[in-house]
Amino acid sequence: MKSVQLLFIALFFIASKSHSQVHVDQIKHNSKDRYITTTIGYPVQGTYAPTGMKQPLTVLNPDGTGYIQAEDLSKQKINWGIECSEEGVPVFKEGFNSASYTFWYRPTDGNEWYYSQFSIHFTKKKMFLMGERVKEYVDFNVQ
């Protein structure tokens, strides 16, 4: 009887940990610890480009990797994330029909983290990265 109870308890903890855990990475910027995640409840991953243009691109992969293409079309591989709390709750500033986040990225061949703005405009169904690069998205959270 005790072994059955122990089995159920173990399965419960394994299932709850694997289902509800958001991956959070700790980074350091100016001697201050910060936390980032790639999961904020909206499809951040994808391809961003200036409005009406096909390049330069920024590509964000779901695993926190990607690249930023410069104006001369050279590519720089990056690691990226959106600022969050230690528990994985995204830090954002709410506006009228928008939300603004801090986007952190680091070239894979460097050690320094840089930040820029990432914003979601809900009525336009667009996400803006670094102010000029944009991606349209489909909101599956609409009820």
Protein backbone atom coordinates (compact mmCIF):
# COMPACT_ATOMS: atom_id res chain seq x y z
CA MET A 1 0.00 0.00 0.00
CA LYS A 2 2.80 2.43 0.86
CA SER A 3 4.58 1.71 -2.40
CA VAL A 4 1.43 2.59 -4.39
CA GLN A 5 1.09 5.88 -2.51
CA LEU A 6 4.78 6.62 -3.05
CA LEU A 7 4.39 5.91 -6.78
CA PHE A 8 1.41 8.30 -7.07
CA ILE A 9 3.28 11.04 -5.20
CA ALA A 10 6.34 10.62 -7.41
CA LEU A 11 4.23 10.72 -10.59
CA PHE A 12 2.43 13.84 -9.35
CA PHE A 13 5.69 15.72 -8.75
CA ILE A 14 7.19 14.64 -12.07
CA ALA A 15 4.07 15.64 -14.00
CA SER A 16 3.68 19.00 -12.29
CA LYS A 17 7.36 19.90 -12.70
CA SER A 18 7.52 18.98 -16.40
CA HIS A 19 4.20 20.64 -17.28
CA SER A 20 4.40 23.98 -15.50
CA GLN A 21 8.06 24.94 -15.52
CA VAL A 22 9.14 27.98 -17.56
CA HIS A 23 12.84 27.97 -18.43
CA VAL A 24 14.64 30.96 -16.88
CA ASP A 25 18.27 31.93 -17.46
CA GLN A 26 20.27 34.19 -15.16
CA ILE A 27 22.47 36.80 -16.83
CA LYS A 28 24.71 39.54 -15.47
CA HIS A 29 24.73 43.13 -16.77
CA ASN A 30 26.72 45.90 -15.06
CA SER A 31 27.32 43.61 -12.06
CA LYS A 32 23.56 43.11 -11.59
CA ASP A 33 21.81 39.76 -11.92
CA ARG A 34 18.87 39.69 -14.29
CA TYR A 35 16.60 36.90 -15.47
CA ILE A 36 15.40 36.13 -18.98
CA THR A 37 13.01 33.70 -20.64
CA THR A 38 11.82 32.96 -24.16
CA THR A 39 8.27 32.19 -22.98
CA ILE A 40 5.94 35.13 -22.31
CA GLY A 41 2.57 33.82 -23.51
CA TYR A 42 2.93 35.29 -27.02
CA PRO A 43 4.81 33.87 -30.05
CA VAL A 44 8.01 35.92 -29.72
CA GLN A 45 10.06 33.52 -31.83
CA GLY A 46 10.04 34.17 -35.55
CA THR A 47 11.43 36.49 -38.21
CA TYR A 48 11.43 40.27 -37.83
CA ALA A 49 12.13 42.74 -40.65
CA PRO A 50 11.71 46.49 -41.20
CA THR A 51 8.21 47.41 -42.43
CA GLY A 52 7.86 46.79 -46.15
CA MET A 53 11.33 45.25 -46.48
CA LYS A 54 12.63 41.69 -46.70
CA GLN A 55 16.02 42.45 -45.09
CA PRO A 56 17.82 43.07 -42.75
CA LEU A 57 16.30 40.34 -40.61
CA THR A 58 16.33 39.31 -37.00
CA VAL A 59 15.51 35.65 -36.44
CA LEU A 60 14.59 34.44 -32.95
CA ASN A 61 14.47 30.68 -32.38
CA PRO A 62 12.36 29.13 -29.58
CA ASP A 63 15.48 27.80 -27.82
CA GLY A 64 16.90 31.30 -27.18
CA THR A 65 19.27 31.36 -30.16
CA GLY A 66 19.04 33.28 -33.43
CA TYR A 67 20.77 35.99 -35.40
CA ILE A 68 20.65 39.71 -36.12
CA GLN A 69 21.39 40.88 -39.64
CA ALA A 70 23.06 44.30 -39.93
CA GLU A 71 22.34 46.91 -42.61
CA ASP A 72 25.22 45.48 -44.70
CA LEU A 73 23.39 42.09 -44.44
CA SER A 74 26.14 40.48 -42.34
CA LYS A 75 24.74 38.10 -39.71
CA GLN A 76 25.65 37.92 -36.05
CA LYS A 77 24.57 34.86 -34.07
CA ILE A 78 22.94 35.70 -30.74
CA ASN A 79 21.43 34.29 -27.59
CA TRP A 80 18.29 36.15 -26.52
CA GLY A 81 15.54 36.42 -23.93
CA ILE A 82 12.84 38.67 -22.50
CA GLU A 83 13.39 40.06 -19.00
CA CYS A 84 11.43 38.26 -16.32
CA SER A 85 11.37 37.64 -12.59
CA GLU A 86 13.37 34.85 -11.00
CA GLU A 87 10.20 32.73 -11.20
CA GLY A 88 9.76 33.36 -14.95
CA VAL A 89 7.02 36.02 -14.86
CA PRO A 90 7.67 38.51 -17.70
CA VAL A 91 8.43 42.10 -16.67
CA PHE A 92 6.52 44.56 -18.83
CA LYS A 93 4.94 47.97 -18.94
CA GLU A 94 1.33 47.99 -20.02
CA GLY A 95 0.12 50.67 -22.41
CA PHE A 96 -3.16 51.29 -24.18
CA ASN A 97 -3.54 48.17 -26.37
CA SER A 98 0.18 47.38 -26.04
CA ALA A 99 2.82 45.96 -23.77
CA SER A 100 6.52 46.86 -23.69
CA TYR A 101 9.23 44.42 -22.61
CA THR A 102 13.02 44.50 -22.32
CA PHE A 103 14.70 42.34 -24.96
CA TRP A 104 18.16 41.06 -23.99
CA TYR A 105 20.66 39.63 -26.46
CA ARG A 106 24.31 38.61 -26.49
CA PRO A 107 26.47 37.80 -29.52
CA THR A 108 27.51 34.15 -29.21
CA ASP A 109 31.16 35.15 -29.62
CA GLY A 110 30.97 37.72 -26.81
CA ASN A 111 30.27 37.97 -23.10
CA GLU A 112 28.38 41.26 -22.86
CA TRP A 113 24.60 41.46 -22.85
CA TYR A 114 22.78 44.28 -24.64
CA TYR A 115 19.17 45.34 -24.32
CA SER A 116 16.54 46.90 -26.51
CA GLN A 117 12.78 47.35 -26.59
CA PHE A 118 10.33 44.66 -27.56
CA SER A 119 6.67 45.63 -27.82
CA ILE A 120 3.41 43.93 -28.67
CA HIS A 121 0.59 45.96 -30.22
CA PHE A 122 -2.54 43.91 -29.61
CA THR A 123 -5.02 45.63 -31.95
CA LYS A 124 -2.56 45.64 -34.87
CA LYS A 125 -1.43 42.06 -34.08
CA LYS A 126 2.19 43.14 -34.54
CA MET A 127 5.36 42.76 -32.52
CA PHE A 128 8.15 45.31 -32.79
CA LEU A 129 11.78 44.51 -32.01
CA MET A 130 14.43 47.20 -31.61
CA GLY A 131 11.88 49.80 -32.71
CA GLU A 132 12.07 49.11 -36.43
CA ARG A 133 11.76 45.38 -37.04
CA VAL A 134 8.27 43.97 -37.05
CA LYS A 135 6.45 40.67 -37.19
CA GLU A 136 2.75 39.96 -37.47
CA TYR A 137 1.29 37.30 -35.21
CA VAL A 138 -1.89 35.33 -34.63
CA ASP A 139 -3.32 35.60 -31.13
CA PHE A 140 -4.51 32.16 -30.03
CA ASN A 141 -5.44 33.56 -26.59
CA VAL A 142 -8.52 35.39 -27.92
CA GLN A 143 -11.75 34.02 -26.46
